[in-house]
Amino acid sequence: MTTKTASIPSSEGKFAAYARNFVGQLTGHPARYGVNESRVQLLDELLSQYDNDSAKAVAAKDAARAATVQKEESRKALADAMRSATRVIQANDEVTNAAREDAGIPVHKTSRTPVPVPKSFPVASVIATDRLEHTVSFSDSSTPTRRGKPAGVQGCEVYVAVADTPPTDTKAYRFIAMSTRSPQKVTFEADGGGKTANYMLRWVNTKGEKGPWGTVLNATIPAV
C-alpha cells in the first residue's frame, strides 16, 4: 500500500495542536501504530521540551513588549525634562552661545538678515479680458517661467500711461496698484477705448525700497 509522510503544519498554532495530538495518539496506543517504547518516550520528551520552550518564548515576547512600553515612557519623561531645562537655559543671558552649542542647544540669531533692495524687475504680459479692461500678469526677470515674487519683495507696483508713444518721463505714468500677486486687472474710462496703454512695473521690498523698472509694455484698450 502506498503511504505518505506526515504533512506537518508550518504555522505555530497549528503545529502545536498537531504535535500534541500526534504524540498523544502514539503514547496512548503504541501497538496500534507499531512503534516501540523508546520512540514513544523520545516523542513525549521532545513535546515537553517544545511546550516549555514555547512558554518561555511567549513570556519573553510579553516581557519585550512591556520593556518597549517602559522604554518609550522613559524616553518621553527624559525628553520633557530636557525641553524644560533647555527653556531655562535659553532664558538665561549669562549662558554663552559656546556652552549652548556644546550641549547641542540651538543658538538663536540676535539680528535679522537685512532685506535686500530688489535687483531684478517684473516681466509683464497684457491681455484684453473685457471691454475697457486689461489683465496684467507678471513674473520675475530672474525666473521668468515661474510665478511668484523674489525673496523679500512685498509686491509689484503697476503704473500706466495712456499715450500713443510711451512717455520717457516716469512721472507721466499713473499709479494703478501695489499688486501682491499676479495677475492684476486694470480698467479704463469710456474715452480710453481704442487708445494705447503703456505699462511700467517694478518690485518693492518689505521696507518700501524700490527696484529697477521693467521694460515698458503696451497694448490697445478694447473699446468693445
N, C-alpha and C. Protein backbone atom coordinates (compact mmCIF):
# COMPACT_ATOMS: atom_id res chain seq x y z
N MET A 1 0.85 -1.19 0.00
CA MET A 1 0.00 0.00 0.00
C MET A 1 0.89 1.24 0.00
N THR A 2 0.53 2.18 -0.79
CA THR A 2 1.30 3.42 -0.86
C THR A 2 1.04 4.25 0.39
N THR A 3 2.10 4.76 1.00
CA THR A 3 1.96 5.59 2.21
C THR A 3 2.53 6.98 1.95
N LYS A 4 2.05 7.92 2.74
CA LYS A 4 2.53 9.30 2.65
C LYS A 4 3.12 9.72 3.99
N THR A 5 4.18 10.49 3.96
CA THR A 5 4.73 11.03 5.21
C THR A 5 3.80 12.10 5.74
N ALA A 6 3.93 12.43 7.03
CA ALA A 6 3.05 13.41 7.67
C ALA A 6 3.22 14.79 7.06
N SER A 7 2.10 15.45 6.87
CA SER A 7 2.12 16.84 6.39
C SER A 7 2.06 17.74 7.62
N ILE A 8 3.22 18.09 8.13
CA ILE A 8 3.29 18.85 9.38
C ILE A 8 3.03 20.33 9.10
N PRO A 9 2.08 20.95 9.80
CA PRO A 9 1.75 22.37 9.58
C PRO A 9 2.96 23.26 9.86
N SER A 10 3.02 24.36 9.14
CA SER A 10 4.14 25.29 9.33
C SER A 10 3.82 26.39 10.33
N SER A 11 2.54 26.77 10.44
CA SER A 11 2.20 27.84 11.38
C SER A 11 2.32 27.34 12.81
N GLU A 12 2.70 28.23 13.71
CA GLU A 12 2.99 27.85 15.09
C GLU A 12 1.79 27.25 15.80
N GLY A 13 0.63 27.90 15.67
CA GLY A 13 -0.56 27.42 16.36
C GLY A 13 -1.00 26.05 15.88
N LYS A 14 -1.04 25.86 14.57
CA LYS A 14 -1.46 24.58 14.02
C LYS A 14 -0.42 23.49 14.30
N PHE A 15 0.85 23.86 14.30
CA PHE A 15 1.91 22.89 14.60
C PHE A 15 1.77 22.34 16.01
N ALA A 16 1.52 23.24 16.99
CA ALA A 16 1.40 22.82 18.38
C ALA A 16 0.23 21.86 18.56
N ALA A 17 -0.91 22.19 17.95
CA ALA A 17 -2.09 21.32 18.08
C ALA A 17 -1.83 19.98 17.41
N TYR A 18 -1.20 20.01 16.24
CA TYR A 18 -0.89 18.78 15.52
C TYR A 18 0.05 17.90 16.34
N ALA A 19 1.09 18.52 16.92
CA ALA A 19 2.09 17.76 17.67
C ALA A 19 1.48 17.12 18.91
N ARG A 20 0.64 17.85 19.62
CA ARG A 20 0.03 17.28 20.83
C ARG A 20 -0.88 16.10 20.50
N ASN A 21 -1.63 16.24 19.43
CA ASN A 21 -2.50 15.14 19.02
C ASN A 21 -1.68 13.94 18.55
N PHE A 22 -0.65 14.20 17.76
CA PHE A 22 0.20 13.14 17.21
C PHE A 22 0.86 12.34 18.33
N VAL A 23 1.52 13.05 19.24
CA VAL A 23 2.22 12.37 20.33
C VAL A 23 1.23 11.69 21.27
N GLY A 24 0.09 12.34 21.50
CA GLY A 24 -0.92 11.75 22.37
C GLY A 24 -1.45 10.43 21.82
N GLN A 25 -1.68 10.38 20.53
CA GLN A 25 -2.16 9.15 19.91
C GLN A 25 -1.13 8.03 20.02
N LEU A 26 0.14 8.36 19.72
CA LEU A 26 1.18 7.33 19.76
C LEU A 26 1.49 6.90 21.19
N THR A 27 1.42 7.83 22.12
CA THR A 27 1.69 7.48 23.52
C THR A 27 0.57 6.59 24.08
N GLY A 28 -0.66 6.91 23.72
CA GLY A 28 -1.79 6.15 24.23
C GLY A 28 -1.99 4.81 23.54
N HIS A 29 -1.55 4.71 22.29
CA HIS A 29 -1.80 3.46 21.53
C HIS A 29 -0.55 3.08 20.73
N PRO A 30 0.56 2.77 21.38
CA PRO A 30 1.78 2.45 20.64
C PRO A 30 1.64 1.22 19.75
N ALA A 31 0.91 0.21 20.23
CA ALA A 31 0.74 -1.01 19.43
C ALA A 31 -0.06 -0.75 18.18
N ARG A 32 -1.02 0.14 18.29
CA ARG A 32 -1.87 0.47 17.13
C ARG A 32 -1.05 1.05 15.99
N TYR A 33 0.01 1.76 16.36
CA TYR A 33 0.82 2.42 15.34
C TYR A 33 2.13 1.70 15.06
N GLY A 34 2.38 0.59 15.78
CA GLY A 34 3.56 -0.21 15.53
C GLY A 34 4.85 0.49 15.87
N VAL A 35 4.86 1.28 16.93
CA VAL A 35 6.09 1.97 17.33
C VAL A 35 6.54 1.42 18.68
N ASN A 36 7.86 1.40 18.88
CA ASN A 36 8.37 0.85 20.13
C ASN A 36 8.35 1.91 21.24
N GLU A 37 8.63 1.45 22.44
CA GLU A 37 8.52 2.31 23.62
C GLU A 37 9.55 3.44 23.60
N SER A 38 10.75 3.15 23.11
CA SER A 38 11.81 4.17 23.09
C SER A 38 11.43 5.35 22.18
N ARG A 39 10.79 5.05 21.06
CA ARG A 39 10.38 6.12 20.14
C ARG A 39 9.27 6.96 20.78
N VAL A 40 8.32 6.25 21.44
CA VAL A 40 7.23 6.97 22.09
C VAL A 40 7.77 7.87 23.19
N GLN A 41 8.74 7.34 23.96
CA GLN A 41 9.34 8.12 25.05
C GLN A 41 10.06 9.36 24.51
N LEU A 42 10.79 9.19 23.39
CA LEU A 42 11.50 10.31 22.77
C LEU A 42 10.52 11.39 22.33
N LEU A 43 9.43 10.97 21.67
CA LEU A 43 8.43 11.94 21.22
C LEU A 43 7.82 12.69 22.40
N ASP A 44 7.53 11.98 23.48
CA ASP A 44 6.93 12.60 24.65
C ASP A 44 7.88 13.62 25.29
N GLU A 45 9.18 13.26 25.36
CA GLU A 45 10.17 14.17 25.94
C GLU A 45 10.33 15.43 25.07
N LEU A 46 10.37 15.22 23.76
CA LEU A 46 10.53 16.37 22.85
C LEU A 46 9.32 17.28 22.88
N LEU A 47 8.12 16.71 23.03
CA LEU A 47 6.91 17.53 23.14
C LEU A 47 6.95 18.37 24.41
N SER A 48 7.39 17.76 25.51
CA SER A 48 7.50 18.50 26.77
C SER A 48 8.51 19.64 26.64
N GLN A 49 9.64 19.35 25.99
CA GLN A 49 10.65 20.39 25.78
C GLN A 49 10.11 21.53 24.92
N TYR A 50 9.37 21.15 23.87
CA TYR A 50 8.78 22.16 22.98
C TYR A 50 7.80 23.04 23.75
N ASP A 51 6.94 22.41 24.57
CA ASP A 51 5.97 23.18 25.35
C ASP A 51 6.66 24.15 26.30
N ASN A 52 7.73 23.68 26.96
CA ASN A 52 8.47 24.55 27.88
C ASN A 52 9.11 25.72 27.14
N ASP A 53 9.75 25.42 26.01
CA ASP A 53 10.41 26.47 25.24
C ASP A 53 9.39 27.46 24.67
N SER A 54 8.22 26.95 24.27
CA SER A 54 7.18 27.83 23.75
C SER A 54 6.69 28.79 24.83
N ALA A 55 6.50 28.25 26.04
CA ALA A 55 6.06 29.09 27.15
C ALA A 55 7.09 30.17 27.46
N LYS A 56 8.38 29.81 27.40
CA LYS A 56 9.44 30.79 27.63
C LYS A 56 9.45 31.87 26.54
N ALA A 57 9.21 31.43 25.30
CA ALA A 57 9.20 32.38 24.18
C ALA A 57 8.07 33.38 24.33
N VAL A 58 6.88 32.89 24.72
CA VAL A 58 5.74 33.78 24.92
C VAL A 58 6.02 34.76 26.05
N ALA A 59 6.60 34.24 27.14
CA ALA A 59 6.93 35.10 28.27
C ALA A 59 7.96 36.16 27.87
N ALA A 60 8.95 35.74 27.07
CA ALA A 60 9.97 36.68 26.62
C ALA A 60 9.38 37.75 25.72
N LYS A 61 8.44 37.33 24.85
CA LYS A 61 7.79 38.29 23.95
C LYS A 61 6.99 39.31 24.76
N ASP A 62 6.25 38.83 25.76
CA ASP A 62 5.47 39.73 26.61
C ASP A 62 6.39 40.66 27.38
N ALA A 63 7.51 40.10 27.85
CA ALA A 63 8.47 40.93 28.60
C ALA A 63 9.09 41.99 27.69
N ALA A 64 9.39 41.59 26.45
CA ALA A 64 9.97 42.54 25.49
C ALA A 64 8.98 43.65 25.17
N ARG A 65 7.70 43.28 25.01
CA ARG A 65 6.68 44.28 24.73
C ARG A 65 6.55 45.24 25.91
N ALA A 66 6.55 44.69 27.11
CA ALA A 66 6.45 45.53 28.31
C ALA A 66 7.68 46.43 28.45
N ALA A 67 8.85 45.87 28.11
CA ALA A 67 10.08 46.65 28.19
C ALA A 67 10.08 47.79 27.18
N THR A 68 9.52 47.53 25.99
CA THR A 68 9.43 48.58 24.97
C THR A 68 8.52 49.71 25.42
N VAL A 69 7.39 49.35 26.00
CA VAL A 69 6.46 50.37 26.52
C VAL A 69 7.14 51.20 27.60
N GLN A 70 7.84 50.53 28.50
CA GLN A 70 8.54 51.22 29.58
C GLN A 70 9.63 52.14 29.03
N LYS A 71 10.34 51.65 27.99
CA LYS A 71 11.39 52.46 27.38
C LYS A 71 10.82 53.73 26.76
N GLU A 72 9.67 53.62 26.07
CA GLU A 72 9.04 54.79 25.46
C GLU A 72 8.59 55.79 26.51
N GLU A 73 8.08 55.29 27.64
CA GLU A 73 7.67 56.19 28.72
C GLU A 73 8.89 56.90 29.31
N SER A 74 9.98 56.16 29.47
CA SER A 74 11.21 56.76 30.00
C SER A 74 11.76 57.80 29.03
N ARG A 75 11.69 57.49 27.74
CA ARG A 75 12.18 58.44 26.73
C ARG A 75 11.37 59.73 26.76
N LYS A 76 10.05 59.61 26.86
CA LYS A 76 9.19 60.80 26.90
C LYS A 76 9.50 61.64 28.14
N ALA A 77 9.66 60.98 29.28
CA ALA A 77 9.97 61.71 30.51
C ALA A 77 11.30 62.44 30.39
N LEU A 78 12.30 61.76 29.80
CA LEU A 78 13.62 62.37 29.62
C LEU A 78 13.54 63.54 28.65
N ALA A 79 12.82 63.36 27.53
CA ALA A 79 12.70 64.43 26.53
C ALA A 79 12.00 65.65 27.14
N ASP A 80 10.95 65.42 27.92
CA ASP A 80 10.24 66.54 28.55
C ASP A 80 11.16 67.29 29.51
N ALA A 81 11.96 66.53 30.27
CA ALA A 81 12.88 67.16 31.21
C ALA A 81 13.96 67.97 30.48
N MET A 82 14.45 67.44 29.35
CA MET A 82 15.47 68.17 28.58
C MET A 82 14.88 69.44 27.96
N ARG A 83 13.63 69.36 27.48
CA ARG A 83 12.98 70.56 26.93
C ARG A 83 12.82 71.63 28.01
N SER A 84 12.41 71.18 29.20
CA SER A 84 12.24 72.12 30.30
C SER A 84 13.57 72.79 30.67
N ALA A 85 14.63 71.98 30.73
CA ALA A 85 15.96 72.53 31.04
C ALA A 85 16.43 73.48 29.94
N THR A 86 16.13 73.13 28.69
CA THR A 86 16.52 73.99 27.56
C THR A 86 15.85 75.35 27.66
N ARG A 87 14.56 75.37 28.02
CA ARG A 87 13.86 76.65 28.16
C ARG A 87 14.50 77.52 29.23
N VAL A 88 14.90 76.89 30.34
CA VAL A 88 15.57 77.64 31.41
C VAL A 88 16.90 78.20 30.91
N ILE A 89 17.67 77.37 30.19
CA ILE A 89 18.97 77.80 29.68
C ILE A 89 18.82 78.92 28.66
N GLN A 90 17.85 78.78 27.76
CA GLN A 90 17.66 79.79 26.72
C GLN A 90 17.23 81.13 27.30
N ALA A 91 16.58 81.09 28.46
CA ALA A 91 16.13 82.34 29.10
C ALA A 91 17.23 82.98 29.94
N ASN A 92 18.34 82.30 30.10
CA ASN A 92 19.43 82.80 30.94
C ASN A 92 20.48 83.49 30.06
N ASP A 93 20.58 84.81 30.17
CA ASP A 93 21.51 85.58 29.35
C ASP A 93 22.97 85.32 29.72
N GLU A 94 23.21 84.75 30.90
CA GLU A 94 24.58 84.51 31.33
C GLU A 94 25.18 83.24 30.70
N VAL A 95 24.35 82.42 30.09
CA VAL A 95 24.85 81.21 29.41
C VAL A 95 25.40 81.61 28.05
N THR A 96 26.63 81.25 27.76
CA THR A 96 27.25 81.63 26.49
C THR A 96 26.74 80.76 25.35
N ASN A 97 26.85 81.30 24.14
CA ASN A 97 26.46 80.53 22.96
C ASN A 97 27.35 79.31 22.77
N ALA A 98 28.62 79.44 23.18
CA ALA A 98 29.54 78.30 23.08
C ALA A 98 29.06 77.15 23.96
N ALA A 99 28.58 77.50 25.15
CA ALA A 99 28.06 76.47 26.05
C ALA A 99 26.81 75.84 25.47
N ARG A 100 25.97 76.66 24.87
CA ARG A 100 24.76 76.12 24.23
C ARG A 100 25.12 75.13 23.13
N GLU A 101 26.08 75.52 22.29
CA GLU A 101 26.49 74.65 21.19
C GLU A 101 27.07 73.34 21.70
N ASP A 102 27.85 73.41 22.78
CA ASP A 102 28.44 72.19 23.35
C ASP A 102 27.37 71.22 23.83
N ALA A 103 26.25 71.77 24.31
CA ALA A 103 25.15 70.93 24.80
C ALA A 103 24.16 70.56 23.70
N GLY A 104 24.44 71.04 22.48
CA GLY A 104 23.54 70.73 21.37
C GLY A 104 22.28 71.57 21.36
N ILE A 105 22.29 72.69 22.09
CA ILE A 105 21.12 73.58 22.15
C ILE A 105 21.22 74.60 21.03
N PRO A 106 20.14 74.84 20.27
CA PRO A 106 20.18 75.80 19.17
C PRO A 106 20.55 77.20 19.66
N VAL A 107 21.37 77.88 18.88
CA VAL A 107 21.74 79.26 19.17
C VAL A 107 20.92 80.15 18.25
N HIS A 108 20.05 80.96 18.83
CA HIS A 108 19.18 81.81 18.03
C HIS A 108 19.93 83.06 17.58
N LYS A 109 19.65 83.46 16.36
CA LYS A 109 20.26 84.67 15.83
C LYS A 109 19.72 85.88 16.57
N THR A 110 20.60 86.82 16.87
CA THR A 110 20.17 88.03 17.58
C THR A 110 19.81 89.16 16.63
N SER A 111 20.14 88.99 15.36
CA SER A 111 19.81 90.02 14.38
C SER A 111 19.24 89.39 13.13
N ARG A 112 18.36 90.10 12.48
CA ARG A 112 17.73 89.60 11.27
C ARG A 112 18.60 89.89 10.05
N THR A 113 18.50 89.01 9.08
CA THR A 113 19.19 89.24 7.81
C THR A 113 18.52 90.41 7.11
N PRO A 114 19.27 91.44 6.74
CA PRO A 114 18.64 92.60 6.11
C PRO A 114 17.97 92.24 4.79
N VAL A 115 16.82 92.88 4.54
CA VAL A 115 16.10 92.64 3.29
C VAL A 115 16.81 93.41 2.18
N PRO A 116 17.22 92.74 1.10
CA PRO A 116 17.94 93.45 0.04
C PRO A 116 17.01 94.29 -0.83
N VAL A 117 17.58 95.33 -1.41
CA VAL A 117 16.84 96.11 -2.41
C VAL A 117 16.69 95.24 -3.66
N PRO A 118 15.50 95.17 -4.25
CA PRO A 118 15.32 94.32 -5.44
C PRO A 118 16.29 94.70 -6.56
N LYS A 119 16.93 93.69 -7.12
CA LYS A 119 17.83 93.92 -8.25
C LYS A 119 17.20 93.49 -9.57
N SER A 120 16.28 92.57 -9.50
CA SER A 120 15.58 92.12 -10.71
C SER A 120 14.35 93.00 -10.93
N PHE A 121 13.61 92.71 -11.99
CA PHE A 121 12.43 93.52 -12.32
C PHE A 121 11.32 92.62 -12.83
N PRO A 122 10.08 93.10 -12.79
CA PRO A 122 8.97 92.29 -13.28
C PRO A 122 8.97 92.18 -14.81
N VAL A 123 8.69 90.98 -15.27
CA VAL A 123 8.47 90.74 -16.70
C VAL A 123 6.97 90.58 -16.88
N ALA A 124 6.37 91.47 -17.69
CA ALA A 124 4.90 91.52 -17.76
C ALA A 124 4.36 91.07 -19.10
N SER A 125 3.09 90.69 -19.08
CA SER A 125 2.32 90.41 -20.30
C SER A 125 0.92 90.96 -20.07
N VAL A 126 0.30 91.45 -21.15
CA VAL A 126 -1.02 92.08 -21.04
C VAL A 126 -1.97 91.43 -22.03
N ILE A 127 -3.19 91.11 -21.56
CA ILE A 127 -4.23 90.62 -22.46
C ILE A 127 -5.51 91.40 -22.18
N ALA A 128 -6.31 91.57 -23.23
CA ALA A 128 -7.61 92.23 -23.09
C ALA A 128 -8.62 91.20 -22.63
N THR A 129 -9.17 91.38 -21.44
CA THR A 129 -10.09 90.39 -20.88
C THR A 129 -11.54 90.83 -20.93
N ASP A 130 -11.79 92.13 -21.19
CA ASP A 130 -13.16 92.63 -21.27
C ASP A 130 -13.11 94.02 -21.88
N ARG A 131 -14.27 94.60 -22.11
CA ARG A 131 -14.34 95.96 -22.64
C ARG A 131 -13.71 96.92 -21.61
N LEU A 132 -12.78 97.74 -22.11
CA LEU A 132 -12.09 98.72 -21.28
C LEU A 132 -11.35 98.07 -20.10
N GLU A 133 -10.84 96.86 -20.35
CA GLU A 133 -10.16 96.16 -19.26
C GLU A 133 -8.96 95.38 -19.78
N HIS A 134 -7.86 95.48 -19.06
CA HIS A 134 -6.66 94.67 -19.29
C HIS A 134 -6.38 93.81 -18.07
N THR A 135 -5.77 92.66 -18.31
CA THR A 135 -5.24 91.84 -17.22
C THR A 135 -3.73 91.76 -17.40
N VAL A 136 -3.02 92.27 -16.39
CA VAL A 136 -1.56 92.32 -16.44
C VAL A 136 -0.99 91.18 -15.58
N SER A 137 -0.26 90.28 -16.21
CA SER A 137 0.41 89.20 -15.49
C SER A 137 1.89 89.50 -15.41
N PHE A 138 2.52 89.06 -14.34
CA PHE A 138 3.95 89.36 -14.21
C PHE A 138 4.68 88.24 -13.47
N SER A 139 5.97 88.13 -13.76
CA SER A 139 6.87 87.20 -13.08
C SER A 139 8.20 87.92 -12.91
N ASP A 140 9.16 87.24 -12.31
CA ASP A 140 10.44 87.90 -12.05
C ASP A 140 11.41 87.67 -13.21
N SER A 141 12.22 88.68 -13.50
CA SER A 141 13.15 88.57 -14.63
C SER A 141 14.19 87.47 -14.42
N SER A 142 14.48 87.15 -13.16
CA SER A 142 15.46 86.09 -12.90
C SER A 142 14.86 84.70 -13.03
N THR A 143 13.53 84.60 -12.93
CA THR A 143 12.83 83.32 -13.10
C THR A 143 11.56 83.57 -13.91
N PRO A 144 11.69 83.95 -15.17
CA PRO A 144 10.52 84.38 -15.96
C PRO A 144 9.47 83.31 -16.22
N THR A 145 9.85 82.04 -16.10
CA THR A 145 8.87 80.97 -16.38
C THR A 145 8.10 80.56 -15.13
N ARG A 146 8.42 81.17 -14.01
CA ARG A 146 7.74 80.81 -12.75
C ARG A 146 7.01 82.01 -12.18
N ARG A 147 5.83 81.74 -11.64
CA ARG A 147 5.11 82.80 -10.94
C ARG A 147 5.73 82.99 -9.56
N GLY A 148 5.48 84.16 -8.99
CA GLY A 148 5.98 84.40 -7.65
C GLY A 148 6.93 85.58 -7.60
N LYS A 149 6.98 86.19 -6.42
CA LYS A 149 7.83 87.35 -6.20
C LYS A 149 9.20 86.90 -5.70
N PRO A 150 10.22 87.73 -5.90
CA PRO A 150 11.53 87.42 -5.33
C PRO A 150 11.48 87.47 -3.80
N ALA A 151 12.45 86.89 -3.16
CA ALA A 151 12.51 86.90 -1.69
C ALA A 151 12.62 88.32 -1.18
N GLY A 152 11.87 88.62 -0.14
CA GLY A 152 11.91 89.94 0.48
C GLY A 152 11.07 90.99 -0.21
N VAL A 153 10.38 90.62 -1.28
CA VAL A 153 9.56 91.57 -2.03
C VAL A 153 8.13 91.57 -1.50
N GLN A 154 7.61 92.79 -1.27
CA GLN A 154 6.24 92.93 -0.80
C GLN A 154 5.24 92.81 -1.94
N GLY A 155 5.56 93.45 -3.08
CA GLY A 155 4.64 93.39 -4.20
C GLY A 155 5.20 94.09 -5.42
N CYS A 156 4.35 94.22 -6.41
CA CYS A 156 4.73 94.83 -7.69
C CYS A 156 3.93 96.11 -7.90
N GLU A 157 4.62 97.23 -8.09
CA GLU A 157 3.94 98.48 -8.42
C GLU A 157 3.61 98.49 -9.91
N VAL A 158 2.35 98.76 -10.20
CA VAL A 158 1.89 98.80 -11.59
C VAL A 158 1.51 100.24 -11.94
N TYR A 159 2.12 100.78 -12.99
CA TYR A 159 1.84 102.14 -13.46
C TYR A 159 1.38 102.06 -14.91
N VAL A 160 0.57 103.04 -15.33
CA VAL A 160 0.10 103.07 -16.71
C VAL A 160 0.04 104.51 -17.22
N ALA A 161 0.31 104.66 -18.49
CA ALA A 161 0.16 105.95 -19.17
C ALA A 161 -0.56 105.71 -20.49
N VAL A 162 -1.68 106.38 -20.69
CA VAL A 162 -2.42 106.24 -21.94
C VAL A 162 -1.88 107.26 -22.92
N ALA A 163 -1.14 106.78 -23.91
CA ALA A 163 -0.49 107.67 -24.89
C ALA A 163 -0.09 106.85 -26.10
N ASP A 164 -0.06 107.52 -27.25
CA ASP A 164 0.32 106.81 -28.47
C ASP A 164 1.77 106.35 -28.42
N THR A 165 2.62 107.17 -27.80
CA THR A 165 4.04 106.84 -27.66
C THR A 165 4.38 106.71 -26.18
N PRO A 166 5.11 105.69 -25.78
CA PRO A 166 5.45 105.54 -24.37
C PRO A 166 6.22 106.75 -23.84
N PRO A 167 5.74 107.41 -22.80
CA PRO A 167 6.45 108.56 -22.24
C PRO A 167 7.82 108.14 -21.70
N THR A 168 8.80 108.99 -21.86
CA THR A 168 10.14 108.70 -21.33
C THR A 168 10.27 109.14 -19.88
N ASP A 169 9.40 110.05 -19.47
CA ASP A 169 9.41 110.53 -18.09
C ASP A 169 8.49 109.65 -17.24
N THR A 170 9.04 109.03 -16.22
CA THR A 170 8.23 108.12 -15.39
C THR A 170 7.12 108.86 -14.66
N LYS A 171 7.25 110.19 -14.49
CA LYS A 171 6.20 110.95 -13.80
C LYS A 171 4.91 111.02 -14.62
N ALA A 172 5.01 110.70 -15.90
CA ALA A 172 3.82 110.73 -16.76
C ALA A 172 2.95 109.49 -16.57
N TYR A 173 3.45 108.51 -15.83
CA TYR A 173 2.70 107.27 -15.61
C TYR A 173 1.87 107.36 -14.32
N ARG A 174 0.67 106.84 -14.38
CA ARG A 174 -0.25 106.88 -13.24
C ARG A 174 -0.16 105.58 -12.44
N PHE A 175 -0.09 105.72 -11.12
CA PHE A 175 -0.03 104.54 -10.26
C PHE A 175 -1.37 103.83 -10.26
N ILE A 176 -1.34 102.51 -10.48
CA ILE A 176 -2.56 101.71 -10.52
C ILE A 176 -2.74 100.92 -9.23
N ALA A 177 -1.72 100.18 -8.84
CA ALA A 177 -1.86 99.32 -7.67
C ALA A 177 -0.52 98.79 -7.21
N MET A 178 -0.49 98.42 -5.92
CA MET A 178 0.61 97.62 -5.39
C MET A 178 0.09 96.19 -5.38
N SER A 179 0.42 95.44 -6.41
CA SER A 179 -0.13 94.10 -6.58
C SER A 179 0.74 93.08 -5.85
N THR A 180 0.13 92.38 -4.90
CA THR A 180 0.89 91.39 -4.13
C THR A 180 0.93 90.03 -4.80
N ARG A 181 0.12 89.86 -5.84
CA ARG A 181 0.17 88.60 -6.59
C ARG A 181 -0.34 88.82 -8.01
N SER A 182 0.18 88.04 -8.93
CA SER A 182 -0.21 88.12 -10.34
C SER A 182 -1.46 87.26 -10.56
N PRO A 183 -2.38 87.73 -11.43
CA PRO A 183 -2.36 88.92 -12.27
C PRO A 183 -3.06 90.11 -11.60
N GLN A 184 -2.97 91.27 -12.27
CA GLN A 184 -3.61 92.50 -11.80
C GLN A 184 -4.54 93.03 -12.90
N LYS A 185 -5.82 93.27 -12.54
CA LYS A 185 -6.76 93.83 -13.52
C LYS A 185 -6.66 95.35 -13.52
N VAL A 186 -6.75 95.93 -14.72
CA VAL A 186 -6.70 97.38 -14.89
C VAL A 186 -7.90 97.79 -15.75
N THR A 187 -8.70 98.74 -15.25
CA THR A 187 -9.87 99.21 -16.00
C THR A 187 -9.68 100.66 -16.41
N PHE A 188 -10.37 101.05 -17.48
CA PHE A 188 -10.22 102.38 -18.04
C PHE A 188 -11.59 103.05 -18.21
N GLU A 189 -11.55 104.39 -18.32
CA GLU A 189 -12.77 105.15 -18.59
C GLU A 189 -13.20 104.92 -20.04
N ALA A 190 -14.46 105.29 -20.32
CA ALA A 190 -15.02 105.03 -21.65
C ALA A 190 -14.23 105.69 -22.77
N ASP A 191 -13.68 106.89 -22.49
CA ASP A 191 -12.94 107.59 -23.56
C ASP A 191 -11.58 106.96 -23.84
N GLY A 192 -11.21 105.92 -23.06
CA GLY A 192 -9.91 105.29 -23.30
C GLY A 192 -9.97 104.20 -24.35
N GLY A 193 -11.18 103.78 -24.74
CA GLY A 193 -11.31 102.70 -25.71
C GLY A 193 -10.61 102.99 -27.02
N GLY A 194 -9.81 102.05 -27.50
CA GLY A 194 -9.09 102.20 -28.75
C GLY A 194 -7.73 102.86 -28.60
N LYS A 195 -7.46 103.43 -27.44
CA LYS A 195 -6.18 104.08 -27.22
C LYS A 195 -5.13 103.06 -26.74
N THR A 196 -3.90 103.53 -26.60
CA THR A 196 -2.80 102.65 -26.20
C THR A 196 -2.45 102.86 -24.74
N ALA A 197 -2.40 101.76 -24.00
CA ALA A 197 -1.99 101.80 -22.60
C ALA A 197 -0.55 101.32 -22.50
N ASN A 198 0.31 102.13 -21.89
CA ASN A 198 1.72 101.80 -21.70
C ASN A 198 1.95 101.49 -20.22
N TYR A 199 2.55 100.34 -19.97
CA TYR A 199 2.72 99.88 -18.59
C TYR A 199 4.19 99.87 -18.18
N MET A 200 4.41 100.26 -16.92
CA MET A 200 5.73 100.12 -16.29
C MET A 200 5.52 99.47 -14.92
N LEU A 201 6.39 98.50 -14.61
CA LEU A 201 6.26 97.77 -13.35
C LEU A 201 7.62 97.71 -12.65
N ARG A 202 7.58 97.64 -11.32
CA ARG A 202 8.81 97.45 -10.54
C ARG A 202 8.46 96.79 -9.20
N TRP A 203 9.46 96.10 -8.66
CA TRP A 203 9.29 95.43 -7.37
C TRP A 203 9.52 96.42 -6.23
N VAL A 204 8.84 96.16 -5.11
CA VAL A 204 9.04 96.93 -3.88
C VAL A 204 9.22 95.94 -2.74
N ASN A 205 10.30 96.09 -1.96
CA ASN A 205 10.53 95.13 -0.88
C ASN A 205 9.71 95.49 0.36
N THR A 206 9.84 94.69 1.41
CA THR A 206 9.03 94.87 2.61
C THR A 206 9.40 96.13 3.38
N LYS A 207 10.52 96.76 3.04
CA LYS A 207 10.91 98.02 3.67
C LYS A 207 10.50 99.22 2.84
N GLY A 208 9.84 98.94 1.70
CA GLY A 208 9.39 100.03 0.84
C GLY A 208 10.44 100.48 -0.16
N GLU A 209 11.56 99.76 -0.23
CA GLU A 209 12.61 100.12 -1.18
C GLU A 209 12.26 99.57 -2.56
N LYS A 210 12.48 100.37 -3.58
CA LYS A 210 12.03 100.04 -4.93
C LYS A 210 13.18 99.54 -5.79
N GLY A 211 12.86 98.57 -6.65
CA GLY A 211 13.83 98.02 -7.57
C GLY A 211 13.78 98.74 -8.91
N PRO A 212 14.52 98.27 -9.91
CA PRO A 212 14.54 98.91 -11.23
C PRO A 212 13.24 98.68 -11.99
N TRP A 213 12.95 99.60 -12.90
CA TRP A 213 11.77 99.45 -13.75
C TRP A 213 11.97 98.32 -14.75
N GLY A 214 10.88 97.66 -15.07
CA GLY A 214 10.91 96.68 -16.14
C GLY A 214 10.72 97.37 -17.48
N THR A 215 10.80 96.60 -18.55
CA THR A 215 10.61 97.13 -19.90
C THR A 215 9.18 97.62 -20.08
N VAL A 216 9.02 98.77 -20.73
CA VAL A 216 7.68 99.31 -21.00
C VAL A 216 6.92 98.34 -21.90
N LEU A 217 5.68 98.10 -21.53
CA LEU A 217 4.83 97.18 -22.29
C LEU A 217 3.56 97.92 -22.66
N ASN A 218 3.12 97.78 -23.90
CA ASN A 218 1.90 98.50 -24.29
C ASN A 218 0.90 97.57 -24.97
N ALA A 219 -0.37 97.99 -24.90
CA ALA A 219 -1.46 97.22 -25.50
C ALA A 219 -2.63 98.15 -25.75
N THR A 220 -3.42 97.82 -26.77
CA THR A 220 -4.60 98.63 -27.10
C THR A 220 -5.73 98.35 -26.12
N ILE A 221 -6.38 99.41 -25.67
CA ILE A 221 -7.50 99.27 -24.75
C ILE A 221 -8.73 98.86 -25.55
N PRO A 222 -9.35 97.73 -25.22
CA PRO A 222 -10.51 97.28 -26.01
C PRO A 222 -11.71 98.21 -25.83
N ALA A 223 -12.26 98.68 -26.95
CA ALA A 223 -13.41 99.59 -26.88
C ALA A 223 -14.72 98.82 -26.83
N VAL A 224 -14.73 97.59 -27.32
CA VAL A 224 -15.96 96.79 -27.32
C VAL A 224 -15.66 95.41 -26.76
